[in-house]
PDB file of N, CA and C in Angstrom:
ATOM      1  N   MET A   1     -32.717 -23.762  32.738  1.00  0.00           N
ATOM      2  CA  MET A   1     -33.386 -22.073  32.772  1.00  0.00           C
ATOM      3  C   MET A   1     -32.982 -21.524  31.195  1.00  0.00           C
ATOM      4  N   THR A   2     -31.095 -21.552  31.040  1.00  0.00           N
ATOM      5  CA  THR A   2     -30.498 -21.166  29.846  1.00  0.00           C
ATOM      6  C   THR A   2     -31.104 -21.995  29.154  1.00  0.00           C
ATOM      7  N   ARG A   3     -30.858 -22.748  28.738  1.00  0.00           N
ATOM      8  CA  ARG A   3     -31.271 -22.924  27.526  1.00  0.00           C
ATOM      9  C   ARG A   3     -33.333 -22.606  26.759  1.00  0.00           C
ATOM     10  N   ARG A   4     -34.232 -22.295  27.775  1.00  0.00           N
ATOM     11  CA  ARG A   4     -35.515 -21.758  27.713  1.00  0.00           C
ATOM     12  C   ARG A   4     -35.228 -20.370  26.909  1.00  0.00           C
ATOM     13  N   ILE A   5     -34.125 -19.404  27.845  1.00  0.00           N
ATOM     14  CA  ILE A   5     -33.673 -18.219  27.316  1.00  0.00           C
ATOM     15  C   ILE A   5     -33.108 -17.912  25.825  1.00  0.00           C
ATOM     16  N   LEU A   6     -32.039 -19.676  25.766  1.00  0.00           N
ATOM     17  CA  LEU A   6     -31.678 -19.604  24.492  1.00  0.00           C
ATOM     18  C   LEU A   6     -33.131 -19.756  22.851  1.00  0.00           C
ATOM     19  N   VAL A   7     -34.339 -20.515  23.672  1.00  0.00           N
ATOM     20  CA  VAL A   7     -35.002 -20.470  22.599  1.00  0.00           C
ATOM     21  C   VAL A   7     -35.913 -19.476  22.476  1.00  0.00           C
ATOM     22  N   LEU A   8     -36.458 -18.824  23.799  1.00  0.00           N
ATOM     23  CA  LEU A   8     -36.816 -16.999  23.331  1.00  0.00           C
ATOM     24  C   LEU A   8     -36.422 -16.476  22.583  1.00  0.00           C
ATOM     25  N   LEU A   9     -35.252 -16.272  22.387  1.00  0.00           N
ATOM     26  CA  LEU A   9     -33.953 -15.889  21.991  1.00  0.00           C
ATOM     27  C   LEU A   9     -34.149 -15.877  20.491  1.00  0.00           C
ATOM     28  N   ALA A  10     -34.228 -16.990  19.967  1.00  0.00           N
ATOM     29  CA  ALA A  10     -34.265 -18.146  18.618  1.00  0.00           C
ATOM     30  C   ALA A  10     -36.011 -17.256  18.233  1.00  0.00           C
ATOM     31  N   PHE A  11     -36.628 -17.640  18.699  1.00  0.00           N
ATOM     32  CA  PHE A  11     -37.797 -17.200  18.338  1.00  0.00           C
ATOM     33  C   PHE A  11     -38.264 -15.787  17.960  1.00  0.00           C
ATOM     34  N   ALA A  12     -37.353 -14.622  19.273  1.00  0.00           N
ATOM     35  CA  ALA A  12     -37.436 -12.950  18.647  1.00  0.00           C
ATOM     36  C   ALA A  12     -36.810 -13.237  17.318  1.00  0.00           C
ATOM     37  N   LEU A  13     -35.594 -13.480  16.906  1.00  0.00           N
ATOM     38  CA  LEU A  13     -34.582 -13.805  15.657  1.00  0.00           C
ATOM     39  C   LEU A  13     -36.104 -13.928  15.281  1.00  0.00           C
ATOM     40  N   ALA A  14     -36.470 -14.980  14.757  1.00  0.00           N
ATOM     41  CA  ALA A  14     -36.884 -16.118  14.046  1.00  0.00           C
ATOM     42  C   ALA A  14     -37.923 -15.077  13.161  1.00  0.00           C
ATOM     43  N   ALA A  15     -38.974 -13.772  14.512  1.00  0.00           N
ATOM     44  CA  ALA A  15     -39.649 -13.262  14.532  1.00  0.00           C
ATOM     45  C   ALA A  15     -39.409 -12.248  12.931  1.00  0.00           C
ATOM     46  N   CYS A  16     -38.524 -11.627  13.129  1.00  0.00           N
ATOM     47  CA  CYS A  16     -37.548  -9.876  12.820  1.00  0.00           C
ATOM     48  C   CYS A  16     -37.117 -11.078  11.450  1.00  0.00           C
ATOM     49  N   SER A  17     -36.671 -12.140  11.221  1.00  0.00           N
ATOM     50  CA  SER A  17     -36.356 -12.497  10.220  1.00  0.00           C
ATOM     51  C   SER A  17     -37.431 -12.974   8.753  1.00  0.00           C
ATOM     52  N   GLY A  18     -38.292 -13.211   9.351  1.00  0.00           N
ATOM     53  CA  GLY A  18     -39.570 -14.000   8.064  1.00  0.00           C
ATOM     54  C   GLY A  18     -39.999 -12.691   7.280  1.00  0.00           C
ATOM     55  N   GLY A  19     -40.034 -13.244   5.945  1.00  0.00           N
ATOM     56  CA  GLY A  19     -40.584 -12.508   4.739  1.00  0.00           C
ATOM     57  C   GLY A  19     -41.812 -13.322   4.178  1.00  0.00           C
ATOM     58  N   ASP A  20     -42.511 -12.602   3.761  1.00  0.00           N
ATOM     59  CA  ASP A  20     -43.542 -13.013   3.081  1.00  0.00           C
ATOM     60  C   ASP A  20     -43.853 -12.726   1.892  1.00  0.00           C
ATOM     61  N   ASP A  21     -43.111 -13.963   0.681  1.00  0.00           N
ATOM     62  CA  ASP A  21     -43.439 -13.724  -0.899  1.00  0.00           C
ATOM     63  C   ASP A  21     -44.254 -13.008  -1.805  1.00  0.00           C
ATOM     64  N   GLY A  22     -45.300 -12.572  -0.844  1.00  0.00           N
ATOM     65  CA  GLY A  22     -46.424 -12.068  -1.447  1.00  0.00           C
ATOM     66  C   GLY A  22     -47.917 -13.286  -1.961  1.00  0.00           C
ATOM     67  N   GLY A  23     -47.519 -14.306  -1.502  1.00  0.00           N
ATOM     68  CA  GLY A  23     -47.995 -15.554  -1.408  1.00  0.00           C
ATOM     69  C   GLY A  23     -48.873 -16.298  -0.176  1.00  0.00           C
ATOM     70  N   GLY A  24     -48.132 -15.854   0.673  1.00  0.00           N
ATOM     71  CA  GLY A  24     -48.019 -16.375   1.834  1.00  0.00           C
ATOM     72  C   GLY A  24     -47.742 -18.083   1.868  1.00  0.00           C
ATOM     73  N   PRO A  25     -46.592 -17.623   2.844  1.00  0.00           N
ATOM     74  CA  PRO A  25     -46.247 -19.232   3.260  1.00  0.00           C
ATOM     75  C   PRO A  25     -47.644 -20.503   4.071  1.00  0.00           C
ATOM     76  N   THR A  26     -47.248 -21.647   3.955  1.00  0.00           N
ATOM     77  CA  THR A  26     -47.140 -22.393   4.125  1.00  0.00           C
ATOM     78  C   THR A  26     -48.080 -22.843   6.027  1.00  0.00           C
ATOM     79  N   GLY A  27     -48.454 -23.169   6.539  1.00  0.00           N
ATOM     80  CA  GLY A  27     -48.659 -22.858   7.871  1.00  0.00           C
ATOM     81  C   GLY A  27     -47.566 -23.568   8.351  1.00  0.00           C
ATOM     82  N   GLU A  28     -47.026 -24.798   7.880  1.00  0.00           N
ATOM     83  CA  GLU A  28     -45.406 -25.705   7.887  1.00  0.00           C
ATOM     84  C   GLU A  28     -44.229 -24.381   8.411  1.00  0.00           C
ATOM     85  N   ALA A  29     -44.494 -23.773   6.865  1.00  0.00           N
ATOM     86  CA  ALA A  29     -42.935 -23.366   6.843  1.00  0.00           C
ATOM     87  C   ALA A  29     -43.240 -22.160   7.669  1.00  0.00           C
ATOM     88  N   LEU A  30     -44.346 -21.566   7.871  1.00  0.00           N
ATOM     89  CA  LEU A  30     -44.246 -20.222   8.830  1.00  0.00           C
ATOM     90  C   LEU A  30     -44.058 -20.963   9.748  1.00  0.00           C
ATOM     91  N   ALA A  31     -44.801 -22.010  10.649  1.00  0.00           N
ATOM     92  CA  ALA A  31     -43.433 -22.787  12.086  1.00  0.00           C
ATOM     93  C   ALA A  31     -42.591 -22.875  11.812  1.00  0.00           C
ATOM     94  N   ASN A  32     -41.696 -22.971  10.718  1.00  0.00           N
ATOM     95  CA  ASN A  32     -40.122 -23.184  10.694  1.00  0.00           C
ATOM     96  C   ASN A  32     -39.709 -21.931  10.380  1.00  0.00           C
ATOM     97  N   ASP A  33     -40.487 -21.061  10.217  1.00  0.00           N
ATOM     98  CA  ASP A  33     -39.447 -19.511  10.278  1.00  0.00           C
ATOM     99  C   ASP A  33     -39.914 -18.802  11.391  1.00  0.00           C
ATOM    100  N   LEU A  34     -41.089 -19.151  11.926  1.00  0.00           N
ATOM    101  CA  LEU A  34     -41.253 -18.555  13.141  1.00  0.00           C
ATOM    102  C   LEU A  34     -39.923 -19.187  14.597  1.00  0.00           C
ATOM    103  N   GLY A  35     -39.967 -19.905  14.443  1.00  0.00           N
ATOM    104  CA  GLY A  35     -39.079 -20.652  15.398  1.00  0.00           C
ATOM    105  C   GLY A  35     -39.756 -21.778  16.146  1.00  0.00           C
ATOM    106  N   CYS A  36     -41.229 -22.136  15.998  1.00  0.00           N
ATOM    107  CA  CYS A  36     -42.840 -22.661  16.651  1.00  0.00           C
ATOM    108  C   CYS A  36     -41.590 -24.285  16.870  1.00  0.00           C
ATOM    109  N   LEU A  37     -41.306 -24.981  16.070  1.00  0.00           N
ATOM    110  CA  LEU A  37     -41.236 -26.020  16.048  1.00  0.00           C
ATOM    111  C   LEU A  37     -39.558 -26.127  16.779  1.00  0.00           C
ATOM    112  N   ALA A  38     -39.335 -24.548  17.497  1.00  0.00           N
ATOM    113  CA  ALA A  38     -38.111 -25.355  18.197  1.00  0.00           C
ATOM    114  C   ALA A  38     -38.835 -25.653  19.764  1.00  0.00           C
ATOM    115  N   CYS A  39     -39.779 -25.754  20.273  1.00  0.00           N
ATOM    116  CA  CYS A  39     -40.333 -25.743  21.033  1.00  0.00           C
ATOM    117  C   CYS A  39     -41.832 -27.777  20.936  1.00  0.00           C
ATOM    118  N   HIS A  40     -42.792 -26.936  19.609  1.00  0.00           N
ATOM    119  CA  HIS A  40     -43.300 -27.542  19.815  1.00  0.00           C
ATOM    120  C   HIS A  40     -43.365 -28.443  18.665  1.00  0.00           C
ATOM    121  N   THR A  41     -42.078 -29.802  19.267  1.00  0.00           N
ATOM    122  CA  THR A  41     -42.413 -30.740  18.926  1.00  0.00           C
ATOM    123  C   THR A  41     -42.665 -31.780  18.994  1.00  0.00           C
ATOM    124  N   ALA A  42     -42.964 -32.868  17.637  1.00  0.00           N
ATOM    125  CA  ALA A  42     -43.738 -33.996  18.204  1.00  0.00           C
ATOM    126  C   ALA A  42     -43.642 -34.517  19.170  1.00  0.00           C
ATOM    127  N   GLY A  43     -42.461 -35.094  19.583  1.00  0.00           N
ATOM    128  CA  GLY A  43     -42.729 -35.301  20.740  1.00  0.00           C
ATOM    129  C   GLY A  43     -43.473 -34.948  22.285  1.00  0.00           C
ATOM    130  N   ALA A  44     -42.258 -35.236  23.359  1.00  0.00           N
ATOM    131  CA  ALA A  44     -42.409 -34.731  24.351  1.00  0.00           C
ATOM    132  C   ALA A  44     -41.548 -33.336  24.663  1.00  0.00           C
ATOM    133  N   THR A  45     -41.470 -32.469  25.376  1.00  0.00           N
ATOM    134  CA  THR A  45     -40.329 -31.538  25.807  1.00  0.00           C
ATOM    135  C   THR A  45     -41.019 -31.037  26.913  1.00  0.00           C
ATOM    136  N   ASP A  46     -39.934 -30.484  27.985  1.00  0.00           N
ATOM    137  CA  ASP A  46     -40.587 -29.829  29.013  1.00  0.00           C
ATOM    138  C   ASP A  46     -40.260 -28.138  28.465  1.00  0.00           C
ATOM    139  N   LEU A  47     -40.492 -27.837  27.173  1.00  0.00           N
ATOM    140  CA  LEU A  47     -40.524 -26.493  26.529  1.00  0.00           C
ATOM    141  C   LEU A  47     -41.796 -26.308  26.678  1.00  0.00           C
ATOM    142  N   ALA A  48     -42.823 -26.793  25.633  1.00  0.00           N
ATOM    143  CA  ALA A  48     -44.050 -26.961  24.854  1.00  0.00           C
ATOM    144  C   ALA A  48     -44.198 -27.875  24.238  1.00  0.00           C
ATOM    145  N   PRO A  49     -46.206 -27.809  24.906  1.00  0.00           N
ATOM    146  CA  PRO A  49     -46.835 -28.865  24.319  1.00  0.00           C
ATOM    147  C   PRO A  49     -46.870 -29.781  23.052  1.00  0.00           C
ATOM    148  N   SER A  50     -46.456 -30.521  22.426  1.00  0.00           N
ATOM    149  CA  SER A  50     -46.707 -31.918  20.868  1.00  0.00           C
ATOM    150  C   SER A  50     -47.665 -30.434  20.474  1.00  0.00           C
ATOM    151  N   TRP A  51     -47.442 -30.837  19.434  1.00  0.00           N
ATOM    152  CA  TRP A  51     -48.953 -30.044  18.056  1.00  0.00           C
ATOM    153  C   TRP A  51     -49.199 -31.082  17.982  1.00  0.00           C
ATOM    154  N   ASN A  52     -48.632 -32.495  17.740  1.00  0.00           N
ATOM    155  CA  ASN A  52     -49.338 -33.767  17.904  1.00  0.00           C
ATOM    156  C   ASN A  52     -50.167 -34.489  18.370  1.00  0.00           C
ATOM    157  N   GLY A  53     -51.701 -34.355  17.476  1.00  0.00           N
ATOM    158  CA  GLY A  53     -52.313 -34.871  18.776  1.00  0.00           C
ATOM    159  C   GLY A  53     -53.023 -33.884  19.102  1.00  0.00           C
ATOM    160  N   LEU A  54     -52.549 -32.299  19.241  1.00  0.00           N
ATOM    161  CA  LEU A  54     -53.042 -31.559  20.288  1.00  0.00           C
ATOM    162  C   LEU A  54     -54.654 -31.278  19.462  1.00  0.00           C
ATOM    163  N   PHE A  55     -54.976 -30.707  18.187  1.00  0.00           N
ATOM    164  CA  PHE A  55     -56.232 -30.718  17.857  1.00  0.00           C
ATOM    165  C   PHE A  55     -57.720 -31.415  17.830  1.00  0.00           C
ATOM    166  N   GLY A  56     -58.283 -30.606  18.478  1.00  0.00           N
ATOM    167  CA  GLY A  56     -59.596 -31.711  19.328  1.00  0.00           C
ATOM    168  C   GLY A  56     -59.353 -32.469  20.354  1.00  0.00           C
ATOM    169  N   SER A  57     -58.224 -32.127  21.322  1.00  0.00           N
ATOM    170  CA  SER A  57     -57.484 -32.305  22.451  1.00  0.00           C
ATOM    171  C   SER A  57     -58.182 -31.904  23.462  1.00  0.00           C
ATOM    172  N   THR A  58     -58.565 -32.797  24.310  1.00  0.00           N
ATOM    173  CA  THR A  58     -58.261 -31.844  26.156  1.00  0.00           C
ATOM    174  C   THR A  58     -57.050 -31.260  26.503  1.00  0.00           C
ATOM    175  N   VAL A  59     -57.335 -30.055  26.842  1.00  0.00           N
ATOM    176  CA  VAL A  59     -56.256 -29.454  26.983  1.00  0.00           C
ATOM    177  C   VAL A  59     -56.241 -29.072  28.864  1.00  0.00           C
ATOM    178  N   LYS A  60     -55.012 -29.508  29.448  1.00  0.00           N
ATOM    179  CA  LYS A  60     -55.682 -28.813  30.929  1.00  0.00           C
ATOM    180  C   LYS A  60     -54.533 -27.290  31.535  1.00  0.00           C
ATOM    181  N   LEU A  61     -55.872 -26.621  31.936  1.00  0.00           N
ATOM    182  CA  LEU A  61     -54.910 -25.308  31.507  1.00  0.00           C
ATOM    183  C   LEU A  61     -54.137 -25.041  33.468  1.00  0.00           C
ATOM    184  N   GLU A  62     -52.954 -23.913  33.729  1.00  0.00           N
ATOM    185  CA  GLU A  62     -52.271 -24.949  35.009  1.00  0.00           C
ATOM    186  C   GLU A  62     -53.230 -23.625  36.167  1.00  0.00           C
ATOM    187  N   ASN A  63     -54.942 -22.881  35.567  1.00  0.00           N
ATOM    188  CA  ASN A  63     -56.178 -22.687  36.518  1.00  0.00           C
ATOM    189  C   ASN A  63     -56.246 -23.655  36.948  1.00  0.00           C
ATOM    190  N   GLY A  64     -56.569 -24.667  36.665  1.00  0.00           N
ATOM    191  CA  GLY A  64     -57.203 -25.868  37.005  1.00  0.00           C
ATOM    192  C   GLY A  64     -58.051 -26.312  36.186  1.00  0.00           C
ATOM    193  N   SER A  65     -58.642 -25.425  35.142  1.00  0.00           N
ATOM    194  CA  SER A  65     -59.697 -25.845  34.450  1.00  0.00           C
ATOM    195  C   SER A  65     -59.273 -26.097  33.275  1.00  0.00           C
ATOM    196  N   SER A  66     -60.597 -26.858  32.687  1.00  0.00           N
ATOM    197  CA  SER A  66     -60.132 -27.620  30.753  1.00  0.00           C
ATOM    198  C   SER A  66     -60.446 -27.313  29.718  1.00  0.00           C
ATOM    199  N   VAL A  67     -59.835 -26.407  28.897  1.00  0.00           N
ATOM    200  CA  VAL A  67     -60.281 -26.558  27.374  1.00  0.00           C
ATOM    201  C   VAL A  67     -60.005 -27.613  25.993  1.00  0.00           C
ATOM    202  N   THR A  68     -61.364 -27.231  25.224  1.00  0.00           N
ATOM    203  CA  THR A  68     -60.469 -28.132  24.174  1.00  0.00           C
ATOM    204  C   THR A  68     -59.583 -27.224  23.348  1.00  0.00           C
ATOM    205  N   ALA A  69     -58.852 -28.419  22.774  1.00  0.00           N
ATOM    206  CA  ALA A  69     -57.978 -27.327  21.444  1.00  0.00           C
ATOM    207  C   ALA A  69     -59.021 -26.945  20.398  1.00  0.00           C
ATOM    208  N   ASP A  70     -59.626 -26.937  20.183  1.00  0.00           N
ATOM    209  CA  ASP A  70     -60.528 -25.966  18.463  1.00  0.00           C
ATOM    210  C   ASP A  70     -59.620 -24.851  18.335  1.00  0.00           C
ATOM    211  N   ARG A  71     -60.379 -24.341  16.693  1.00  0.00           N
ATOM    212  CA  ARG A  71     -59.774 -23.886  16.223  1.00  0.00           C
ATOM    213  C   ARG A  71     -59.705 -22.301  17.071  1.00  0.00           C
ATOM    214  N   ASP A  72     -60.380 -21.854  17.833  1.00  0.00           N
ATOM    215  CA  ASP A  72     -60.589 -20.778  18.457  1.00  0.00           C
ATOM    216  C   ASP A  72     -59.616 -20.407  19.903  1.00  0.00           C
ATOM    217  N   TYR A  73     -59.135 -21.400  20.945  1.00  0.00           N
ATOM    218  CA  TYR A  73     -57.928 -21.863  21.569  1.00  0.00           C
ATOM    219  C   TYR A  73     -57.043 -22.106  20.817  1.00  0.00           C
ATOM    220  N   LEU A  74     -56.752 -22.190  19.645  1.00  0.00           N
ATOM    221  CA  LEU A  74     -55.168 -22.455  19.275  1.00  0.00           C
ATOM    222  C   LEU A  74     -55.195 -20.759  18.682  1.00  0.00           C
ATOM    223  N   GLN A  75     -56.149 -20.453  17.749  1.00  0.00           N
ATOM    224  CA  GLN A  75     -56.142 -18.473  17.885  1.00  0.00           C
ATOM    225  C   GLN A  75     -55.517 -17.290  18.578  1.00  0.00           C
ATOM    226  N   ARG A  76     -56.340 -17.876  20.154  1.00  0.00           N
ATOM    227  CA  ARG A  76     -56.053 -17.128  21.057  1.00  0.00           C
ATOM    228  C   ARG A  76     -55.040 -17.588  21.547  1.00  0.00           C
ATOM    229  N   SER A  77     -54.313 -18.717  21.557  1.00  0.00           N
ATOM    230  CA  SER A  77     -53.162 -19.306  22.319  1.00  0.00           C
ATOM    231  C   SER A  77     -52.237 -18.539  21.455  1.00  0.00           C
ATOM    232  N   ILE A  78     -52.236 -18.883  20.147  1.00  0.00           N
ATOM    233  CA  ILE A  78     -51.266 -17.632  19.428  1.00  0.00           C
ATOM    234  C   ILE A  78     -51.086 -16.057  19.596  1.00  0.00           C
ATOM    235  N   GLU A  79     -52.321 -15.283  19.802  1.00  0.00           N
ATOM    236  CA  GLU A  79     -52.518 -14.639  19.685  1.00  0.00           C
ATOM    237  C   GLU A  79     -51.985 -13.642  21.216  1.00  0.00           C
ATOM    238  N   ASP A  80     -52.561 -14.278  22.199  1.00  0.00           N
ATOM    239  CA  ASP A  80     -51.901 -13.860  23.373  1.00  0.00           C
ATOM    240  C   ASP A  80     -51.674 -15.124  24.009  1.00  0.00           C
ATOM    241  N   PRO A  81     -50.777 -15.243  24.471  1.00  0.00           N
ATOM    242  CA  PRO A  81     -49.744 -16.990  24.966  1.00  0.00           C
ATOM    243  C   PRO A  81     -50.081 -16.868  26.173  1.00  0.00           C
ATOM    244  N   GLN A  82     -50.715 -15.087  27.148  1.00  0.00           N
ATOM    245  CA  GLN A  82     -50.122 -15.738  28.543  1.00  0.00           C
ATOM    246  C   GLN A  82     -51.857 -16.086  28.694  1.00  0.00           C
ATOM    247  N   ALA A  83     -53.065 -16.043  27.717  1.00  0.00           N
ATOM    248  CA  ALA A  83     -54.420 -16.150  27.720  1.00  0.00           C
ATOM    249  C   ALA A  83     -54.820 -17.182  28.488  1.00  0.00           C
ATOM    250  N   ASP A  84     -54.065 -18.125  28.295  1.00  0.00           N
ATOM    251  CA  ASP A  84     -54.147 -19.251  29.167  1.00  0.00           C
ATOM    252  C   ASP A  84     -53.344 -20.505  28.720  1.00  0.00           C
ATOM    253  N   ILE A  85     -52.667 -21.039  29.524  1.00  0.00           N
ATOM    254  CA  ILE A  85     -50.919 -21.231  30.414  1.00  0.00           C
ATOM    255  C   ILE A  85     -51.740 -23.099  30.383  1.00  0.00           C
ATOM    256  N   VAL A  86     -50.824 -23.681  29.208  1.00  0.00           N
ATOM    257  CA  VAL A  86     -51.440 -24.945  29.486  1.00  0.00           C
ATOM    258  C   VAL A  86     -50.448 -25.285  31.040  1.00  0.00           C
ATOM    259  N   GLU A  87     -51.566 -26.455  31.692  1.00  0.00           N
ATOM    260  CA  GLU A  87     -50.668 -26.772  32.858  1.00  0.00           C
ATOM    261  C   GLU A  87     -48.657 -27.819  32.916  1.00  0.00           C
ATOM    262  N   GLY A  88     -48.365 -26.965  33.522  1.00  0.00           N
ATOM    263  CA  GLY A  88     -46.969 -27.882  33.307  1.00  0.00           C
ATOM    264  C   GLY A  88     -45.950 -27.113  32.711  1.00  0.00           C
ATOM    265  N   TYR A  89     -46.452 -26.015  32.014  1.00  0.00           N
ATOM    266  CA  TYR A  89     -45.450 -25.298  31.048  1.00  0.00           C
ATOM    267  C   TYR A  89     -45.277 -24.414  31.018  1.00  0.00           C
ATOM    268  N   GLY A  90     -46.235 -23.029  32.004  1.00  0.00           N
ATOM    269  CA  GLY A  90     -45.546 -21.784  33.209  1.00  0.00           C
ATOM    270  C   GLY A  90     -45.813 -20.401  30.974  1.00  0.00           C
ATOM    271  N   ARG A  91     -45.106 -19.426  31.826  1.00  0.00           N
ATOM    272  CA  ARG A  91     -45.497 -18.608  30.518  1.00  0.00           C
ATOM    273  C   ARG A  91     -44.011 -18.430  30.144  1.00  0.00           C
ATOM    274  N   SER A  92     -43.479 -19.569  28.877  1.00  0.00           N
ATOM    275  CA  SER A  92     -42.868 -18.952  28.366  1.00  0.00           C
ATOM    276  C   SER A  92     -42.308 -19.185  26.601  1.00  0.00           C
ATOM    277  N   MET A  93     -44.173 -18.669  26.595  1.00  0.00           N
ATOM    278  CA  MET A  93     -44.212 -18.463  25.051  1.00  0.00           C
ATOM    279  C   MET A  93     -44.271 -17.556  25.146  1.00  0.00           C
ATOM    280  N   PRO A  94     -43.372 -15.894  24.000  1.00  0.00           N
ATOM    281  CA  PRO A  94     -43.553 -14.902  23.124  1.00  0.00           C
ATOM    282  C   PRO A  94     -44.643 -14.986  23.231  1.00  0.00           C
ATOM    283  N   THR A  95     -44.937 -13.367  22.552  1.00  0.00           N
ATOM    284  CA  THR A  95     -45.613 -13.034  21.842  1.00  0.00           C
ATOM    285  C   THR A  95     -45.065 -12.382  20.587  1.00  0.00           C
ATOM    286  N   ILE A  96     -45.531 -13.246  19.414  1.00  0.00           N
ATOM    287  CA  ILE A  96     -44.742 -13.031  18.061  1.00  0.00           C
ATOM    288  C   ILE A  96     -46.191 -12.573  17.266  1.00  0.00           C
ATOM    289  N   PRO A  97     -46.086 -11.403  16.463  1.00  0.00           N
ATOM    290  CA  PRO A  97     -47.011 -10.511  15.729  1.00  0.00           C
ATOM    291  C   PRO A  97     -46.483 -11.271  14.544  1.00  0.00           C
ATOM    292  N   MET A  98     -48.064 -11.603  14.030  1.00  0.00           N
ATOM    293  CA  MET A  98     -48.530 -12.701  12.746  1.00  0.00           C
ATOM    294  C   MET A  98     -49.729 -11.494  12.220  1.00  0.00           C
ATOM    295  N   THR A  99     -50.169 -12.130  10.809  1.00  0.00           N
ATOM    296  CA  THR A  99     -51.256 -11.326  10.574  1.00  0.00           C
ATOM    297  C   THR A  99     -52.437 -12.279  10.252  1.00  0.00           C
ATOM    298  N   ASP A 100     -52.883 -11.953  10.615  1.00  0.00           N
ATOM    299  CA  ASP A 100     -54.539 -13.164  10.650  1.00  0.00           C
ATOM    300  C   ASP A 100     -54.593 -14.115   9.575  1.00  0.00           C
ATOM    301  N   ALA A 101     -54.137 -13.938   8.749  1.00  0.00           N
ATOM    302  CA  ALA A 101     -53.624 -15.114   7.877  1.00  0.00           C
ATOM    303  C   ALA A 101     -52.674 -15.629   8.097  1.00  0.00           C
ATOM    304  N   GLU A 102     -51.934 -15.948   8.770  1.00  0.00           N
ATOM    305  CA  GLU A 102     -50.459 -15.875   9.021  1.00  0.00           C
ATOM    306  C   GLU A 102     -50.859 -17.096  10.125  1.00  0.00           C
ATOM    307  N   ARG A 103     -52.386 -16.921  11.110  1.00  0.00           N
ATOM    308  CA  ARG A 103     -52.119 -17.478  12.419  1.00  0.00           C
ATOM    309  C   ARG A 103     -52.965 -18.934  12.022  1.00  0.00           C
ATOM    310  N   SER A 104     -53.786 -18.165  11.045  1.00  0.00           N
ATOM    311  CA  SER A 104     -54.863 -18.591  10.877  1.00  0.00           C
ATOM    312  C   SER A 104     -54.303 -20.246  10.147  1.00  0.00           C
ATOM    313  N   ALA A 105     -53.483 -20.022   9.085  1.00  0.00           N
ATOM    314  CA  ALA A 105     -52.099 -21.092   8.159  1.00  0.00           C
ATOM    315  C   ALA A 105     -51.954 -22.152   9.162  1.00  0.00           C
ATOM    316  N   LEU A 106     -51.321 -21.116  10.920  1.00  0.00           N
ATOM    317  CA  LEU A 106     -50.233 -22.238  12.242  1.00  0.00           C
ATOM    318  C   LEU A 106     -51.667 -22.983  12.318  1.00  0.00           C
ATOM    319  N   VAL A 107     -52.775 -22.439  12.268  1.00  0.00           N
ATOM    320  CA  VAL A 107     -54.013 -23.538  13.165  1.00  0.00           C
ATOM    321  C   VAL A 107     -54.331 -24.309  12.394  1.00  0.00           C
ATOM    322  N   ASP A 108     -54.400 -23.886  10.718  1.00  0.00           N
ATOM    323  CA  ASP A 108     -54.441 -24.914   9.633  1.00  0.00           C
ATOM    324  C   ASP A 108     -53.641 -26.558   9.982  1.00  0.00           C
ATOM    325  N   TYR A 109     -52.253 -26.182   9.745  1.00  0.00           N
ATOM    326  CA  TYR A 109     -51.471 -26.787   9.993  1.00  0.00           C
ATOM    327  C   TYR A 109     -51.509 -27.336  11.366  1.00  0.00           C
ATOM    328  N   ILE A 110     -51.500 -26.701  12.866  1.00  0.00           N
ATOM    329  CA  ILE A 110     -51.980 -27.520  14.085  1.00  0.00           C
ATOM    330  C   ILE A 110     -52.849 -29.065  13.330  1.00  0.00           C
ATOM    331  N   GLU A 111     -54.314 -28.630  13.488  1.00  0.00           N
ATOM    332  CA  GLU A 111     -55.171 -29.218  12.490  1.00  0.00           C
ATOM    333  C   GLU A 111     -54.749 -30.444  11.439  1.00  0.00           C
ATOM    334  N   SER A 112     -54.050 -30.239  11.287  1.00  0.00           N
ATOM    335  CA  SER A 112     -53.437 -31.429   9.984  1.00  0.00           C
ATOM    336  C   SER A 112     -52.602 -32.234  10.961  1.00  0.00           C
ATOM    337  N   LEU A 113     -52.568 -31.766  12.102  1.00  0.00           N
ATOM    338  CA  LEU A 113     -51.138 -32.529  12.767  1.00  0.00           C
ATOM    339  C   LEU A 113     -52.181 -33.673  13.185  1.00  0.00           C
ATOM    340  N   GLY A 114     -53.384 -33.255  13.428  1.00  0.00           N
ATOM    341  CA  GLY A 114     -54.482 -34.346  13.730  1.00  0.00           C
ATOM    342  C   GLY A 114     -54.782 -34.076  15.870  1.00  0.00           C
TER     343      GLY A 114
END
């Protein structure tokens, strides 16, 4: 539990410290800057689903339903992390304010991971 709190604090600090250099960051740079990769690692984690192989896969939700991890699902999950909770992960992802362009860049990056 303490680790989860520290990760959430890291997200909050990262969200406050990020800046746009005018050209906009790449999705990977944004994921690093916002602290997303602290939980959404390449391997299995108890904090958050891996992004590797996520795009296009079927995701089982806490409410028993399933969704396809397409662009719409990923955009919604980033914008409102509490909308569709992935089974086994609870409500640990914070809402991080970002622009539509940043959210789209992040989804592009997740899509590039398969």
